[in-house]
Protein backbone atom coordinates (compact mmCIF):
# COMPACT_ATOMS: atom_id res chain seq x y z
CA MET A 1 -6.34 15.75 5.54
CA THR A 2 -7.23 12.21 5.82
CA PHE A 3 -10.51 10.26 5.05
CA ASP A 4 -11.22 9.64 8.69
CA SER A 5 -11.07 13.50 9.62
CA LEU A 6 -13.84 16.24 10.04
CA THR A 7 -11.70 18.39 7.72
CA PHE A 8 -12.10 15.83 4.95
CA ALA A 9 -15.85 15.57 5.53
CA VAL A 10 -16.26 19.36 5.25
CA PHE A 11 -14.00 19.30 2.18
CA PHE A 12 -16.01 16.55 0.32
CA ALA A 13 -19.41 17.75 1.45
CA ILE A 14 -18.45 21.20 -0.55
CA VAL A 15 -16.57 19.60 -3.58
CA PHE A 16 -18.99 16.88 -4.32
CA PRO A 17 -22.30 18.94 -4.85
CA LEU A 18 -20.05 21.47 -6.87
CA TYR A 19 -19.01 18.47 -8.98
CA VAL A 20 -22.50 17.10 -9.57
CA VAL A 21 -23.83 20.65 -10.61
CA ALA A 22 -20.96 21.53 -13.00
CA ARG A 23 -22.46 21.92 -16.52
CA SER A 24 -19.56 20.31 -18.43
CA PHE A 25 -16.90 17.62 -18.07
CA ALA A 26 -14.18 19.91 -18.61
CA ALA A 27 -15.52 21.87 -15.61
CA ARG A 28 -15.68 18.96 -13.40
CA LYS A 29 -12.02 17.94 -14.27
CA ASN A 30 -10.90 21.95 -13.52
CA LEU A 31 -12.65 21.28 -10.21
CA LEU A 32 -11.03 18.09 -9.47
CA LEU A 33 -7.75 19.43 -10.21
CA VAL A 34 -8.16 22.43 -7.85
CA ALA A 35 -9.74 20.27 -5.32
CA SER A 36 -6.87 17.73 -5.40
CA CYS A 37 -4.31 20.42 -5.15
CA VAL A 38 -6.17 21.98 -1.92
CA PHE A 39 -6.39 18.30 -0.59
CA TYR A 40 -2.59 17.93 -0.94
CA GLY A 41 -1.64 21.37 0.12
CA ALA A 42 -3.77 21.38 3.14
CA TRP A 43 -0.94 19.31 4.67
CA ASN A 44 2.17 21.39 3.57
CA PRO A 45 1.52 23.87 0.88
CA VAL A 46 5.41 24.11 0.22
CA PHE A 47 5.37 20.31 -1.02
CA LEU A 48 2.56 21.12 -3.63
CA LEU A 49 5.29 23.06 -5.58
CA LEU A 50 7.37 19.71 -5.62
CA LEU A 51 4.25 17.66 -6.86
CA ALA A 52 3.63 20.38 -9.60
CA PHE A 53 7.42 20.46 -10.63
CA THR A 54 7.29 16.40 -11.13
CA THR A 55 3.96 16.65 -12.93
CA VAL A 56 4.94 19.37 -15.36
CA PHE A 57 8.55 17.93 -16.10
CA ASP A 58 7.22 14.46 -16.60
CA TRP A 59 4.27 15.65 -18.93
CA TRP A 60 6.94 17.75 -21.08
CA ALA A 61 9.29 14.80 -21.16
CA GLY A 62 6.66 12.30 -22.42
CA LEU A 63 6.15 14.83 -25.40
CA ARG A 64 9.76 14.84 -25.85
CA ILE A 65 10.05 11.21 -26.06
CA HIS A 66 7.29 10.88 -28.41
CA ALA A 67 8.60 13.43 -30.91
CA ALA A 68 11.91 12.51 -30.74
CA ALA A 69 13.35 11.39 -34.11
CA ASP A 70 15.50 8.56 -33.26
CA ASP A 71 15.75 5.94 -30.34
CA ALA A 72 18.91 7.41 -28.97
CA ALA A 73 17.11 10.66 -28.42
CA ARG A 74 13.98 9.03 -26.94
CA ARG A 75 16.26 6.89 -24.59
CA ARG A 76 17.76 10.04 -23.21
CA TRP A 77 14.60 11.74 -22.48
CA MET A 78 13.29 8.62 -20.97
CA VAL A 79 16.45 8.21 -18.74
CA ALA A 80 16.45 12.02 -17.78
CA SER A 81 12.83 11.83 -16.35
CA VAL A 82 13.35 8.78 -14.58
CA VAL A 83 16.64 9.67 -12.96
CA ALA A 84 14.97 13.31 -12.02
CA SER A 85 11.96 11.23 -10.53
CA LEU A 86 14.52 8.56 -8.72
CA SER A 87 16.56 11.70 -7.53
CA ILE A 88 13.84 13.41 -6.01
CA LEU A 89 12.57 10.45 -4.06
CA GLY A 90 16.19 9.42 -2.89
CA TYR A 91 16.85 12.72 -1.48
CA PHE A 92 13.74 13.14 0.51
CA LYS A 93 13.49 9.52 1.35
CA TYR A 94 16.89 8.08 1.51
CA ALA A 95 19.50 10.91 2.17
CA GLN A 96 18.90 10.82 5.91
CA PHE A 97 19.40 6.96 5.92
CA PHE A 98 22.74 7.13 3.91
CA ALA A 99 24.01 9.75 6.15
CA ASN A 100 23.12 7.65 9.27
CA THR A 101 24.58 4.41 7.45
CA ALA A 102 27.81 6.37 7.04
CA ILE A 103 28.11 7.64 10.59
CA ALA A 104 27.98 4.21 11.65
CA ALA A 105 30.24 2.98 9.27
CA PHE A 106 32.96 5.59 10.19
CA ALA A 107 32.25 5.00 13.73
CA GLY A 108 33.34 1.45 13.34
CA PHE A 109 36.75 2.72 12.26
CA GLY A 110 36.80 5.08 15.36
CA ILE A 111 35.92 8.39 13.08
CA ASP A 112 33.47 10.83 14.60
CA TYR A 113 31.61 11.49 11.35
CA ARG A 114 28.76 14.30 11.67
CA PRO A 115 27.52 15.48 8.20
CA LEU A 116 25.19 18.44 8.06
CA ASP A 117 21.87 17.68 9.32
CA LEU A 118 19.35 19.00 6.62
CA GLY A 119 16.09 18.27 8.75
CA ILE A 120 14.47 16.78 5.82
CA ILE A 121 10.71 16.11 5.86
CA LEU A 122 9.36 13.38 3.87
CA PRO A 123 6.46 14.79 1.40
CA LEU A 124 3.30 12.87 1.81
CA GLY A 125 2.78 10.45 -0.68
CA ILE A 126 6.06 11.05 -2.66
CA SER A 127 6.57 7.30 -3.03
CA PHE A 128 3.31 6.71 -4.81
CA TYR A 129 3.07 9.51 -7.14
CA ILE A 130 6.84 9.11 -8.30
CA PHE A 131 6.05 5.48 -9.01
CA GLU A 132 3.16 6.70 -11.30
CA SER A 133 5.21 9.26 -13.08
CA ILE A 134 7.90 6.50 -13.86
CA SER A 135 5.35 4.00 -15.12
CA TYR A 136 3.94 6.74 -17.57
CA ILE A 137 7.27 8.06 -18.87
CA VAL A 138 8.32 4.08 -19.30
CA ASP A 139 5.07 3.14 -20.92
CA VAL A 140 5.45 6.31 -23.33
CA TYR A 141 9.02 5.20 -24.09
CA LYS A 142 7.98 1.67 -24.72
CA ARG A 143 5.21 2.89 -27.04
CA ARG A 144 2.34 1.13 -24.82
CA ILE A 145 0.62 4.49 -24.67
CA GLU A 146 0.82 7.81 -26.39
CA PRO A 147 1.38 10.82 -24.24
CA THR A 148 -1.18 13.24 -23.43
CA ARG A 149 -1.19 16.70 -24.86
CA SER A 150 -3.20 18.12 -22.03
CA LEU A 151 -1.40 19.27 -18.90
CA ARG A 152 -4.64 19.54 -17.11
CA ASP A 153 -5.36 15.82 -17.67
CA TYR A 154 -1.96 14.72 -16.78
CA GLY A 155 -2.00 16.92 -13.56
CA LEU A 156 -5.37 15.39 -12.49
CA PHE A 157 -4.10 11.78 -13.20
CA MET A 158 -0.87 12.79 -10.71
CA THR A 159 -3.16 14.61 -8.30
CA PHE A 160 -6.36 12.89 -8.25
CA PHE A 161 -7.20 13.20 -4.15
CA PRO A 162 -8.74 9.77 -3.55
CA HIS A 163 -5.53 7.98 -4.39
CA LEU A 164 -2.85 10.65 -4.14
CA VAL A 165 -1.17 9.80 -1.05
CA ALA A 166 -1.30 6.19 -0.58
CA GLY A 167 -2.43 4.57 -3.74
CA PRO A 168 -3.42 2.53 -5.38
CA ILE A 169 -0.84 2.99 -7.52
CA MET A 170 -2.70 4.00 -10.99
CA ARG A 171 -1.53 3.57 -14.44
CA TYR A 172 -2.09 6.39 -17.17
CA ARG A 173 -3.50 3.89 -19.67
CA ASP A 174 -6.15 3.04 -17.04
CA PHE A 175 -6.83 6.51 -15.69
CA GLY A 176 -6.43 8.43 -18.98
CA GLU A 177 -9.08 6.49 -20.60
CA GLN A 178 -11.63 7.58 -17.84
CA ILE A 179 -10.36 11.41 -18.05
CA ALA A 180 -10.98 11.05 -21.86
CA THR A 181 -14.59 10.36 -21.51
CA PRO A 182 -17.19 12.10 -19.57
CA ARG A 183 -17.77 10.57 -16.18
CA VAL A 184 -21.62 9.99 -15.19
CA VAL A 185 -22.69 10.19 -11.52
CA THR A 186 -25.55 7.91 -10.98
CA ALA A 187 -27.25 7.06 -7.77
CA GLU A 188 -26.45 3.44 -7.87
CA ALA A 189 -22.56 4.43 -7.91
CA VAL A 190 -22.94 7.09 -5.38
CA ALA A 191 -24.76 4.57 -3.09
CA LEU A 192 -22.22 1.82 -3.80
CA GLY A 193 -19.17 4.32 -3.46
CA ALA A 194 -20.71 5.53 0.05
CA TYR A 195 -20.96 2.20 0.96
CA LEU A 196 -17.32 1.43 0.29
CA LEU A 197 -16.13 4.54 1.98
CA ILE A 198 -18.28 3.65 5.26
CA ALA A 199 -16.72 0.09 4.95
CA GLY A 200 -13.13 1.41 4.69
CA LEU A 201 -13.63 3.95 7.57
CA PHE A 202 -14.71 0.99 9.78
CA LEU A 203 -11.74 -1.14 9.00
CA LYS A 204 -9.48 1.62 9.69
CA ILE A 205 -11.34 3.37 12.73
CA VAL A 206 -12.84 0.21 14.36
CA GLY A 207 -10.54 -2.64 13.08
CA ALA A 208 -7.20 -1.19 12.81
CA ASP A 209 -7.32 1.36 15.61
CA HIS A 210 -9.34 -0.14 18.08
CA VAL A 211 -9.32 -3.94 17.74
CA PHE A 212 -5.77 -4.66 16.67
CA ALA A 213 -3.53 -1.60 17.61
CA PRO A 214 -3.70 -2.03 21.32
CA VAL A 215 -2.11 -5.26 21.20
CA THR A 216 0.42 -4.37 18.66
CA ASN A 217 1.50 -1.35 20.58
CA LEU A 218 1.84 -3.40 23.82
CA VAL A 219 4.20 -6.13 22.35
CA PHE A 220 6.36 -3.68 20.15
CA ALA A 221 6.83 -1.26 22.78
CA ALA A 222 10.67 -0.59 23.27
CA ASP A 223 10.67 -1.87 26.98
CA TYR A 224 8.32 -4.86 26.54
CA LYS A 225 9.95 -8.39 26.74
CA ALA A 226 8.01 -10.66 24.71
CA GLY A 227 7.57 -14.19 25.25
CA PHE A 228 6.27 -17.10 22.80
CA VAL A 229 2.62 -16.15 23.26
CA GLY A 230 3.21 -12.21 23.08
CA ALA A 231 5.53 -12.42 20.11
CA TRP A 232 3.01 -14.34 17.99
CA MET A 233 0.22 -12.29 19.37
CA GLY A 234 2.02 -9.03 18.32
CA ALA A 235 2.74 -10.30 14.91
CA PHE A 236 -0.62 -11.73 14.31
CA ALA A 237 -2.13 -8.42 15.67
CA PHE A 238 0.24 -6.24 13.42
CA SER A 239 -0.74 -8.19 10.30
CA MET A 240 -4.55 -7.64 10.64
CA GLN A 241 -3.81 -4.03 11.81
CA VAL A 242 -1.80 -3.18 8.65
CA PHE A 243 -4.43 -4.92 6.26
CA CYS A 244 -7.12 -3.04 8.07
CA ASP A 245 -5.41 0.32 7.99
CA PHE A 246 -4.22 0.09 4.27
CA ALA A 247 -7.09 -1.64 3.01
CA GLY A 248 -9.42 0.36 4.66
CA TYR A 249 -7.65 3.64 2.92
CA SER A 250 -7.83 1.84 -0.31
CA LEU A 251 -11.50 0.78 0.13
CA ALA A 252 -12.47 4.52 1.03
CA ALA A 253 -10.42 5.71 -1.99
CA LEU A 254 -12.29 3.21 -4.23
CA GLY A 255 -15.52 4.36 -2.71
CA ILE A 256 -15.00 8.29 -3.21
CA ALA A 257 -13.58 7.63 -6.79
CA ARG A 258 -16.83 5.71 -7.56
CA MET A 259 -19.05 8.52 -6.39
CA LEU A 260 -17.20 10.85 -8.73
CA GLY A 261 -17.89 8.39 -11.58
CA PHE A 262 -14.07 6.88 -11.83
CA HIS A 263 -12.83 3.29 -11.23
CA LEU A 264 -9.82 2.79 -9.27
CA PRO A 265 -8.25 -0.77 -9.36
CA ALA A 266 -8.64 -2.97 -6.28
CA ASN A 267 -5.55 -3.00 -4.03
CA PHE A 268 -6.60 -5.84 -1.93
CA GLU A 269 -8.48 -8.95 -2.55
CA SER A 270 -8.57 -11.18 0.85
CA PRO A 271 -4.82 -11.80 0.90
CA PHE A 272 -5.17 -13.87 4.30
CA ALA A 273 -6.82 -16.63 2.41
CA SER A 274 -4.12 -17.09 0.16
CA VAL A 275 -2.50 -20.54 -0.36
CA GLY A 276 1.09 -19.68 -0.43
CA ILE A 277 3.37 -16.24 -0.39
CA ALA A 278 3.28 -16.07 -4.35
CA GLU A 279 -0.71 -15.97 -4.23
CA LEU A 280 -0.70 -13.49 -1.40
CA TRP A 281 1.45 -10.99 -3.48
CA THR A 282 -1.24 -11.20 -6.15
CA ARG A 283 -3.87 -10.15 -3.46
CA TRP A 284 -1.96 -7.84 -1.16
CA HIS A 285 -1.17 -4.30 -2.37
CA ILE A 286 -2.00 -5.44 -5.84
CA SER A 287 -0.95 -2.06 -7.59
CA LEU A 288 2.55 -2.25 -6.07
CA SER A 289 3.03 -5.88 -7.03
CA ASN A 290 1.86 -5.14 -10.37
CA TRP A 291 4.28 -2.28 -10.58
CA LEU A 292 7.21 -4.25 -9.32
CA ARG A 293 6.39 -6.99 -11.79
CA ASP A 294 6.34 -4.69 -14.74
CA TYR A 295 9.01 -2.02 -14.02
CA VAL A 296 11.49 -4.09 -11.89
CA PHE A 297 11.28 -7.85 -12.20
CA ASN A 298 10.49 -7.93 -16.00
CA PRO A 299 13.29 -5.83 -17.25
CA LEU A 300 15.87 -7.95 -14.98
CA GLY A 301 14.77 -10.91 -17.11
CA HIS A 302 12.12 -13.87 -16.67
CA TYR A 303 12.83 -17.43 -15.49
CA ARG A 304 13.35 -18.17 -19.14
CA LYS A 305 17.06 -17.00 -18.70
CA GLY A 306 17.79 -19.58 -16.07
CA ARG A 307 16.12 -20.90 -12.79
CA TRP A 308 18.98 -19.25 -10.83
CA ARG A 309 18.81 -16.15 -12.76
CA GLY A 310 15.13 -15.93 -12.00
CA TYR A 311 15.72 -16.48 -8.10
CA ALA A 312 18.11 -13.83 -8.06
CA ASN A 313 15.47 -11.50 -9.58
CA VAL A 314 13.13 -12.19 -7.12
CA LEU A 315 15.46 -11.51 -4.41
CA ILE A 316 16.51 -8.24 -6.12
CA THR A 317 12.96 -7.00 -6.57
CA PHE A 318 11.55 -7.75 -3.08
CA THR A 319 14.51 -6.44 -1.30
CA ALA A 320 13.99 -3.26 -3.39
CA CYS A 321 10.12 -3.57 -2.47
CA GLY A 322 11.55 -3.58 1.44
CA PHE A 323 13.68 -0.52 0.52
CA TRP A 324 10.99 1.22 -1.01
CA HIS A 325 8.82 1.00 2.16
CA GLY A 326 11.15 2.52 4.24
CA ALA A 327 14.78 3.87 4.64
CA ALA A 328 15.73 1.24 7.47
CA TRP A 329 17.68 -1.87 7.51
CA HIS A 330 14.69 -3.78 9.04
CA PHE A 331 12.23 -2.68 6.15
CA VAL A 332 15.15 -3.98 3.85
CA ALA A 333 15.09 -7.48 5.80
CA TRP A 334 11.29 -7.80 5.66
CA GLY A 335 11.52 -7.36 1.90
CA ALA A 336 14.37 -9.83 1.47
CA LEU A 337 12.68 -12.46 3.65
CA HIS A 338 9.52 -12.16 1.30
CA GLY A 339 12.05 -12.64 -1.54
CA ALA A 340 13.45 -15.67 0.24
CA MET A 341 10.20 -17.38 0.84
CA LEU A 342 9.06 -16.79 -2.44
CA VAL A 343 12.18 -18.48 -3.82
CA GLY A 344 11.72 -21.18 -1.29
CA GLU A 345 8.06 -21.96 -2.20
CA ARG A 346 8.99 -21.83 -6.09
CA MET A 347 11.63 -24.30 -5.39
CA ILE A 348 9.34 -26.76 -3.14
CA LYS A 349 6.47 -26.39 -6.26
CA GLU A 350 9.38 -27.50 -8.72
CA SER A 351 10.51 -30.49 -6.70
CA PRO A 352 8.60 -33.85 -6.74
CA ILE A 353 7.18 -32.88 -3.23
CA GLY A 354 5.45 -30.01 -4.80
CA ALA A 355 3.57 -32.39 -7.28
CA LEU A 356 1.89 -34.61 -4.59
CA LYS A 357 -1.61 -34.54 -4.96
CA ILE A 358 -2.26 -34.13 -1.46
CA TRP A 359 -1.66 -30.31 -1.56
CA GLU A 360 -5.07 -30.10 -3.63
CA THR A 361 -7.26 -31.39 -0.88
CA LYS A 362 -9.42 -28.82 1.14
CA PHE A 363 -7.71 -30.03 4.43
CA ALA A 364 -4.25 -29.34 2.86
CA ARG A 365 -5.12 -26.01 1.47
CA VAL A 366 -7.06 -24.84 4.69
CA ASN A 367 -3.64 -25.51 6.73
CA LEU A 368 -1.44 -24.31 3.97
CA ALA A 369 -3.58 -20.76 4.05
CA LEU A 370 -3.00 -20.76 8.03
CA LEU A 371 0.71 -21.55 7.25
CA THR A 372 0.93 -18.71 4.90
CA PHE A 373 -0.73 -16.07 7.31
CA ALA A 374 1.83 -17.27 10.11
CA LEU A 375 4.85 -16.81 7.40
CA PHE A 376 3.35 -13.32 6.62
CA SER A 377 3.19 -12.75 10.29
CA LEU A 378 6.76 -13.85 11.16
CA ALA A 379 8.30 -11.57 8.32
CA VAL A 380 5.86 -8.35 9.45
CA VAL A 381 7.77 -8.30 12.41
CA PHE A 382 10.68 -6.81 10.66
CA PHE A 383 8.34 -4.39 9.13
CA ARG A 384 6.84 -3.18 12.64
CA ALA A 385 10.02 -3.41 14.69
CA LEU A 386 11.73 -0.14 15.84
CA ASP A 387 14.73 -1.77 14.45
CA LEU A 388 16.69 -4.89 13.47
CA ALA A 389 17.69 -5.65 17.35
CA GLN A 390 13.88 -5.54 18.50
CA ALA A 391 12.89 -7.55 15.39
CA TRP A 392 15.40 -10.09 16.26
CA GLN A 393 14.34 -10.44 19.74
CA ARG A 394 10.64 -10.61 18.59
CA VAL A 395 11.35 -13.59 16.21
CA CYS A 396 13.89 -15.56 18.58
CA ALA A 397 10.79 -15.41 21.34
CA MET A 398 8.46 -16.86 18.52
CA PHE A 399 10.54 -19.85 18.31
CA ALA A 400 11.47 -20.31 22.00
CA PHE A 401 8.68 -21.38 24.56
CA VAL A 402 9.67 -18.32 26.93
CA ALA A 403 6.79 -16.99 28.98
CA ASP A 404 5.88 -13.31 28.69
CA ASP A 405 6.27 -10.80 31.27
CA ALA A 406 3.31 -11.42 33.34
CA ALA A 407 2.99 -7.85 34.55
CA ALA A 408 2.72 -6.64 31.19
CA PHE A 409 0.88 -9.07 29.48
CA VAL A 410 -2.74 -10.46 30.75
CA TRP A 411 -5.94 -11.65 29.02
CA ASN A 412 -7.67 -8.54 29.50
CA ALA A 413 -10.72 -7.14 27.36
CA GLU A 414 -8.06 -5.90 24.70
CA ALA A 415 -6.71 -9.26 24.37
CA LYS A 416 -9.95 -10.95 23.82
CA ILE A 417 -11.35 -8.42 21.58
CA PHE A 418 -8.24 -9.15 19.34
CA ALA A 419 -8.72 -12.76 19.41
CA ILE A 420 -12.39 -12.51 18.24
CA GLY A 421 -11.31 -9.85 15.67
CA LEU A 422 -8.48 -12.20 14.37
CA VAL A 423 -10.87 -15.20 13.88
CA VAL A 424 -13.73 -13.00 12.28
CA GLY A 425 -11.37 -11.45 9.98
CA LEU A 426 -9.85 -14.74 8.63
CA LEU A 427 -12.96 -16.16 8.11
CA VAL A 428 -14.52 -13.11 6.22
CA GLN A 429 -11.54 -13.20 4.06
CA ALA A 430 -11.94 -16.99 3.31
CA GLY A 431 -15.53 -16.26 2.63
CA LEU A 432 -14.78 -13.36 0.00
CA LYS A 433 -11.86 -14.97 -1.46
CA HIS A 434 -13.43 -15.97 -4.72
CA ARG A 435 -15.14 -12.55 -5.20
CA LYS A 436 -13.56 -10.21 -7.54
CA GLY A 437 -14.12 -6.45 -7.15
CA TRP A 438 -17.23 -5.11 -5.58
CA GLU A 439 -19.97 -5.33 -8.46
CA TRP A 440 -21.36 -8.21 -6.34
CA LEU A 441 -22.31 -6.04 -3.34
CA PRO A 442 -25.71 -4.55 -4.72
CA ARG A 443 -27.05 -8.21 -5.36
CA VAL A 444 -26.74 -8.88 -1.67
CA HIS A 445 -30.01 -8.94 -0.09
CA TRP A 446 -30.79 -5.71 1.31
CA LEU A 447 -31.61 -6.46 4.60
CA MET A 448 -28.28 -7.73 4.96
CA ARG A 449 -26.69 -4.93 3.40
CA THR A 450 -28.48 -2.56 5.66
CA GLY A 451 -27.92 -4.52 8.69
CA LEU A 452 -24.25 -4.50 7.84
CA LEU A 453 -24.30 -0.84 7.25
CA GLY A 454 -25.99 -0.01 10.19
CA PHE A 455 -23.51 -2.09 12.53
CA MET A 456 -20.51 -0.25 10.74
CA LEU A 457 -21.94 3.22 11.35
CA VAL A 458 -22.91 2.26 15.03
CA ALA A 459 -19.22 0.87 15.52
CA ILE A 460 -17.67 4.16 14.11
CA VAL A 461 -19.93 6.48 16.00
CA LEU A 462 -19.40 4.60 19.39
CA SER A 463 -15.48 4.18 18.79
CA PRO A 464 -13.52 6.06 21.35
CA GLY A 465 -12.19 8.53 18.65
CA ARG A 466 -8.62 8.21 19.17
CA THR A 467 -7.27 7.22 15.54
CA ALA A 468 -3.52 7.06 14.34
CA ALA A 469 -2.44 8.37 11.37
CA PHE A 470 -2.82 5.95 8.15
CA ILE A 471 0.29 3.72 8.36
CA TYR A 472 1.12 3.92 4.74
CA PHE A 473 1.21 7.66 4.99
CA GLN A 474 4.71 7.36 5.97
CA PHE A 475 5.94 5.73 2.69
């Protein structure tokens, strides 16, 4: 069940009125818990049992950590819970990857190794809810929060359907405060939430699937021999596609939650207006960036322990980030490349070159923002490519002035629409760079808001109707 499906429209059309007329907040929470289980179970009911097991075990482990008499016992419960969560994630997401790696390694020695094919299916959203459960257990262990004694409240935190399958990655200290206080459904919140939902669907259906995806699919087709222009166009197209796809989902999730009286954290804040890769990662997939900072980078040690130790920790963190995104070497390369760019950027900033005042001029910052987008697009080739070989071919084409296959690449209507969408998308992000959250939206003149809403609705209705699954559902 996806936000852009008719099934979800029917689902929400039933759940929302029942939520509004519920007589108590306890009844509303019960309804949301049941609805969230239906939402997740509609994809594959069997994996609802896995989600239930993770939820119950970590809720119980949190209570055991809190009740433990000494630090050693607390640590044992924490380690047991984290290991259990990582084991579940490791089996479903990485078992086949390690099996394939072993096959390739043995083949290098002339050994035909064929392990049992388990036919593993990746449960929807497992990476997101496992990270949420780990953050809860670690925060309880670090005494940042107290564990909840309500299994229902913890279950709602884990399964809350707007963010369940693709984030944002929530922290219990943020969501727990909201489910401890009755939520109020107001006309203003419903209006803003519905607006964000429509905007999110517009980004996904129109932007991702019909403006940028056609060029991406052409350039990254297995048989396409990309030249200089095509390789860069494909990289730019996929950068915008994955932004519109994932930011669209996150925006829709924020809107649905707002209609129900809940606040989810922003996950994207004009990332392609960033000046530098470091700033970009404070604006791109923000909930994951913060999670990696708090639960991977910080435990490894800060720059205070030495500059080179800090650089190594950045590389470790972002290589892990790449591996989290996908069980394939090209995802690992994507993460490692981002880590290398962050280290390089920091080294430049710490050098005499980085202290030059020229970098503060508007002209320089505009060009640095464009360079940042280009570097992001260069790295994203490894994210989108079918494998390392294809990624390397596309990267080589980006730095060699080789003509594209004239029979496959033409400046047709799709390419022209992509070019217009790219320019408009970058300009819109530049214009919204300094706006945080969405509380400013109701202050925009009603004629402008109404006109934009009408345009988005018409564009959605007139779209061909062929949509792809949300990209981050596979993670």
